[in-house]
Amino acid sequence: MAKTKKLLTLGLVAGLTILTATPAFARSISLKDAGVALWIFIIIGAIIVLLQLIPAALLFFSFIGTTSGMVFKRKKEVKEEAVEGKAVLPGYEPAAVKK
């Protein structure tokens, strides 16, 4: 019973969709008689879409800079003193510790 009801509903929906999708409703859109509110809506929408290019460009160039920095990064030469653990930081002097 439930399967028959689902098939009937599916057929009804498909039939109504076919009936409403006739060539009578397929006409071109004419903006000749469009009101001022529609033009303002279109202009503001276009501005909002174009403003999204700013953060997209920032993210894009940030990504390019990061990847090119990683690819073309030169290895820094490490002093042998720092490797051995005997490096002394400039501006600091060793202090005596009392036990």
Protein backbone atom coordinates (compact mmCIF):
# COMPACT_ATOMS: atom_id res chain seq x y z
CA MET A 1 0.00 0.00 0.00
CA ALA A 2 2.79 2.44 0.95
CA LYS A 3 4.72 1.58 -2.21
CA THR A 4 1.67 2.30 -4.36
CA LYS A 5 1.11 5.62 -2.60
CA LYS A 6 4.75 6.65 -3.19
CA LEU A 7 4.54 5.73 -6.87
CA LEU A 8 1.28 7.66 -7.25
CA THR A 9 2.80 10.72 -5.57
CA LEU A 10 5.90 10.48 -7.75
CA GLY A 11 3.76 10.24 -10.90
CA LEU A 12 1.62 13.19 -9.83
CA VAL A 13 4.66 15.37 -9.11
CA ALA A 14 6.28 14.40 -12.42
CA GLY A 15 3.04 15.12 -14.32
CA LEU A 16 2.58 18.53 -12.72
CA THR A 17 6.21 19.40 -13.42
CA ILE A 18 5.79 18.48 -17.09
CA LEU A 19 2.58 20.48 -17.36
CA THR A 20 4.10 23.63 -15.84
CA ALA A 21 7.29 23.42 -17.92
CA THR A 22 5.61 24.38 -21.17
CA PRO A 23 7.01 26.72 -23.83
CA ALA A 24 4.37 29.28 -22.88
CA PHE A 25 6.38 30.14 -19.77
CA ALA A 26 9.71 30.21 -21.63
CA ARG A 27 10.09 33.84 -22.60
CA SER A 28 13.00 36.21 -22.61
CA ILE A 29 13.61 38.52 -19.70
CA SER A 30 13.16 42.17 -20.57
CA LEU A 31 14.60 44.76 -18.21
CA LYS A 32 13.06 47.61 -20.20
CA ASP A 33 10.23 48.08 -17.73
CA ALA A 34 12.24 47.25 -14.64
CA GLY A 35 11.86 49.62 -11.73
CA VAL A 36 14.50 51.64 -9.97
CA ALA A 37 14.51 49.25 -7.02
CA LEU A 38 15.52 46.36 -9.28
CA TRP A 39 18.40 48.34 -10.76
CA ILE A 40 19.60 49.33 -7.28
CA PHE A 41 19.39 45.67 -6.21
CA ILE A 42 21.43 44.58 -9.24
CA ILE A 43 24.08 47.28 -8.72
CA ILE A 44 24.48 46.57 -5.00
CA GLY A 45 24.68 42.83 -5.71
CA ALA A 46 27.40 43.41 -8.31
CA ILE A 47 29.35 45.58 -5.85
CA ILE A 48 29.12 42.91 -3.15
CA VAL A 49 30.35 40.24 -5.56
CA LEU A 50 33.25 42.44 -6.68
CA LEU A 51 34.22 43.27 -3.08
CA GLN A 52 34.79 39.57 -2.48
CA LEU A 53 37.74 39.77 -4.86
CA ILE A 54 39.76 41.77 -2.31
CA PRO A 55 40.11 39.06 0.37
CA ALA A 56 40.41 36.43 -2.35
CA ALA A 57 43.37 38.30 -3.84
CA LEU A 58 44.96 38.71 -0.40
CA LEU A 59 44.66 35.00 0.29
CA PHE A 60 45.93 34.09 -3.18
CA PHE A 61 49.05 36.25 -3.01
CA SER A 62 49.69 35.17 0.58
CA PHE A 63 49.61 31.55 -0.59
CA ILE A 64 51.94 32.35 -3.50
CA GLY A 65 54.36 34.16 -1.19
CA THR A 66 54.37 31.36 1.35
CA THR A 67 54.93 28.59 -1.17
CA SER A 68 57.59 30.48 -3.12
CA GLY A 69 59.32 31.33 0.16
CA MET A 70 59.42 27.67 1.09
CA VAL A 71 60.61 26.58 -2.36
CA PHE A 72 63.34 29.19 -2.81
CA LYS A 73 64.48 29.30 0.82
CA ARG A 74 68.24 29.06 1.24
CA LYS A 75 69.65 26.99 4.05
CA LYS A 76 71.31 29.17 6.64
CA GLU A 77 74.85 28.23 7.47
CA VAL A 78 75.11 27.12 11.05
CA LYS A 79 78.25 28.01 12.93
CA GLU A 80 80.11 25.07 14.35
CA GLU A 81 80.22 26.73 17.76
CA ALA A 82 76.46 26.65 18.03
CA VAL A 83 76.39 23.01 17.08
CA GLU A 84 78.88 22.09 19.81
CA GLY A 85 76.94 24.01 22.44
CA LYS A 86 79.75 26.47 23.17
CA ALA A 87 78.06 29.44 21.57
CA VAL A 88 77.81 32.61 23.64
CA LEU A 89 75.03 35.03 22.86
CA PRO A 90 76.21 38.57 22.15
CA GLY A 91 75.62 40.95 25.00
CA TYR A 92 75.63 38.25 27.67
CA GLU A 93 78.50 37.20 29.85
CA PRO A 94 78.81 33.98 31.78
CA ALA A 95 78.08 34.43 35.48
CA ALA A 96 79.54 32.42 38.34
CA VAL A 97 77.03 30.32 40.22
CA LYS A 98 77.47 29.68 43.96
CA LYS A 99 76.43 26.32 45.38
